[in-house]
């Protein structure tokens, strides 16, 4: 049985697919990046059924805390959240569109797992007060970390 020869084109296709998949999966913590849930859950009726939560992670002195992992928790426990977390930007800000309802937002800062987090903020954590937003509303959230 003669040995099979690899076609050079197959290797090029594999490299191209790897580059495309890597580019599609990388998003980093670009301040312009927004979670997948950042779309209205419009049921086709033209009525917006989601709410927008605009927040900021800050220290007890009011200084911005960038690069922190933020996790929302639905107060009723029944609301499904498409992403698990977002990252605060250079100004400590984040925006998340979620199904209307009540949430708390928790954060932990860790420069080892997120290079955008400052080492000075390692170990800081906090949870917001309960925040509620109805359909088509935008609500402010502040997470103070200690």
Protein backbone atom coordinates (compact mmCIF):
# COMPACT_ATOMS: atom_id res chain seq x y z
CA UNK A 1 0.00 0.00 0.00
CA UNK A 2 1.47 3.33 -1.07
CA UNK A 3 1.80 6.07 1.57
CA UNK A 4 -0.76 8.84 1.38
CA UNK A 5 0.59 12.26 0.57
CA UNK A 6 -0.82 15.28 2.33
CA UNK A 7 -2.06 18.00 0.14
CA UNK A 8 -0.54 21.42 0.92
CA UNK A 9 -3.97 23.00 0.55
CA UNK A 10 -5.35 21.03 3.52
CA UNK A 11 -2.70 22.54 5.83
CA UNK A 12 -3.48 26.06 4.61
CA UNK A 13 -7.19 25.53 5.19
CA UNK A 14 -6.50 24.30 8.74
CA UNK A 15 -4.37 27.38 9.50
CA UNK A 16 -7.05 29.69 8.06
CA UNK A 17 -9.79 28.04 10.14
CA UNK A 18 -7.67 28.35 13.28
CA UNK A 19 -7.13 32.08 12.68
CA UNK A 20 -10.83 32.69 11.99
CA UNK A 21 -11.97 30.76 15.08
CA UNK A 22 -9.40 32.48 17.30
CA UNK A 23 -10.45 35.92 16.04
CA UNK A 24 -14.13 35.12 16.58
CA UNK A 25 -13.58 33.89 20.12
CA UNK A 26 -11.26 36.64 21.30
CA UNK A 27 -12.89 39.73 22.62
CA UNK A 28 -10.70 40.65 25.53
CA UNK A 29 -11.91 43.36 27.83
CA UNK A 30 -12.19 46.01 25.15
CA UNK A 31 -14.22 48.81 26.67
CA UNK A 32 -16.42 48.73 23.55
CA UNK A 33 -17.20 45.06 24.01
CA UNK A 34 -20.69 44.35 25.18
CA UNK A 35 -22.24 41.10 26.36
CA UNK A 36 -24.31 38.97 24.02
CA UNK A 37 -27.38 39.79 26.11
CA UNK A 38 -27.01 43.43 25.05
CA UNK A 39 -29.95 43.06 22.74
CA UNK A 40 -33.60 43.50 23.47
CA UNK A 41 -35.58 40.34 23.90
CA UNK A 42 -38.15 41.71 21.47
CA UNK A 43 -40.80 39.11 20.81
CA UNK A 44 -41.64 40.60 17.42
CA UNK A 45 -44.26 42.91 18.87
CA UNK A 46 -41.95 45.91 18.70
CA UNK A 47 -42.06 46.21 22.50
CA UNK A 48 -38.74 46.29 24.31
CA UNK A 49 -38.77 43.66 27.04
CA UNK A 50 -35.27 44.20 28.41
CA UNK A 51 -33.74 46.70 30.80
CA UNK A 52 -30.31 48.33 30.75
CA UNK A 53 -28.10 48.48 33.82
CA UNK A 54 -25.31 51.05 33.67
CA UNK A 55 -22.87 50.66 36.49
CA UNK A 56 -19.57 51.66 37.96
CA UNK A 57 -17.12 49.82 40.19
CA UNK A 58 -15.43 52.19 42.64
CA UNK A 59 -13.47 52.26 45.88
CA UNK A 60 -14.83 53.70 49.12
CA UNK A 61 -13.17 56.99 48.11
CA UNK A 62 -14.96 57.03 44.74
CA UNK A 63 -11.96 56.08 42.58
CA UNK A 64 -12.70 53.99 39.47
CA UNK A 65 -11.71 50.32 39.60
CA UNK A 66 -11.02 48.88 36.11
CA UNK A 67 -10.71 45.25 35.12
CA UNK A 68 -13.05 43.72 37.70
CA UNK A 69 -15.21 40.71 36.93
CA UNK A 70 -18.90 41.60 37.42
CA UNK A 71 -21.59 38.97 37.94
CA UNK A 72 -25.33 39.73 38.10
CA UNK A 73 -27.67 37.62 40.19
CA UNK A 74 -31.40 37.70 39.63
CA UNK A 75 -33.11 38.38 42.95
CA UNK A 76 -35.99 36.05 42.10
CA UNK A 77 -33.51 33.39 40.97
CA UNK A 78 -35.68 32.50 37.98
CA UNK A 79 -34.33 34.95 35.40
CA UNK A 80 -31.86 33.36 33.00
CA UNK A 81 -28.70 35.40 32.43
CA UNK A 82 -27.02 34.64 29.07
CA UNK A 83 -23.45 35.57 30.10
CA UNK A 84 -21.76 34.75 33.32
CA UNK A 85 -19.85 38.04 33.74
CA UNK A 86 -18.54 41.25 32.19
CA UNK A 87 -15.42 43.28 32.99
CA UNK A 88 -15.38 46.91 34.17
CA UNK A 89 -13.63 49.24 31.69
CA UNK A 90 -10.85 51.79 32.32
CA UNK A 91 -13.33 54.10 34.06
CA UNK A 92 -14.75 51.29 36.20
CA UNK A 93 -17.92 51.37 34.07
CA UNK A 94 -20.02 48.57 32.67
CA UNK A 95 -23.29 48.32 30.77
CA UNK A 96 -25.44 45.23 30.66
CA UNK A 97 -28.84 44.71 29.02
CA UNK A 98 -30.78 41.99 30.81
CA UNK A 99 -34.38 40.84 31.07
CA UNK A 100 -36.36 43.36 33.14
CA UNK A 101 -36.29 42.53 36.83
CA UNK A 102 -34.39 42.90 40.08
CA UNK A 103 -30.68 42.06 40.38
CA UNK A 104 -27.65 42.42 42.58
CA UNK A 105 -24.24 42.84 40.95
CA UNK A 106 -21.12 41.38 42.58
CA UNK A 107 -17.50 41.93 41.69
CA UNK A 108 -14.05 40.64 42.53
CA UNK A 109 -10.80 42.16 41.31
CA UNK A 110 -7.89 39.86 40.44
CA UNK A 111 -4.93 41.01 38.32
CA UNK A 112 -3.68 37.44 37.89
CA UNK A 113 -6.78 36.33 36.00
CA UNK A 114 -7.44 39.66 34.27
CA UNK A 115 -4.49 41.77 33.11
CA UNK A 116 -6.70 44.90 32.96
CA UNK A 117 -7.14 44.79 36.74
CA UNK A 118 -4.60 46.79 38.70
CA UNK A 119 -2.46 44.87 41.20
CA UNK A 120 -3.34 47.55 43.77
CA UNK A 121 -6.97 46.40 43.55
CA UNK A 122 -6.28 42.68 43.99
CA UNK A 123 -8.68 41.07 46.40
CA UNK A 124 -11.15 43.95 46.45
CA UNK A 125 -14.74 42.80 46.22
CA UNK A 126 -18.24 44.10 46.72
CA UNK A 127 -21.93 43.67 45.95
CA UNK A 128 -24.42 46.32 44.89
CA UNK A 129 -27.70 46.96 46.60
CA UNK A 130 -30.70 45.36 44.91
CA UNK A 131 -31.46 47.21 41.69
CA UNK A 132 -34.71 46.92 39.73
CA UNK A 133 -35.45 48.00 36.18
CA UNK A 134 -38.65 47.55 34.21
CA UNK A 135 -38.92 47.12 30.46
CA UNK A 136 -37.19 49.81 28.41
CA UNK A 137 -35.70 51.43 31.53
CA UNK A 138 -32.06 52.28 32.20
CA UNK A 139 -30.99 52.03 35.82
CA UNK A 140 -27.74 53.02 37.55
CA UNK A 141 -25.73 50.54 39.61
CA UNK A 142 -22.80 51.30 41.91
CA UNK A 143 -20.58 48.59 43.31
CA UNK A 144 -18.30 49.80 46.10
CA UNK A 145 -15.34 47.49 46.66
CA UNK A 146 -13.33 47.10 49.84
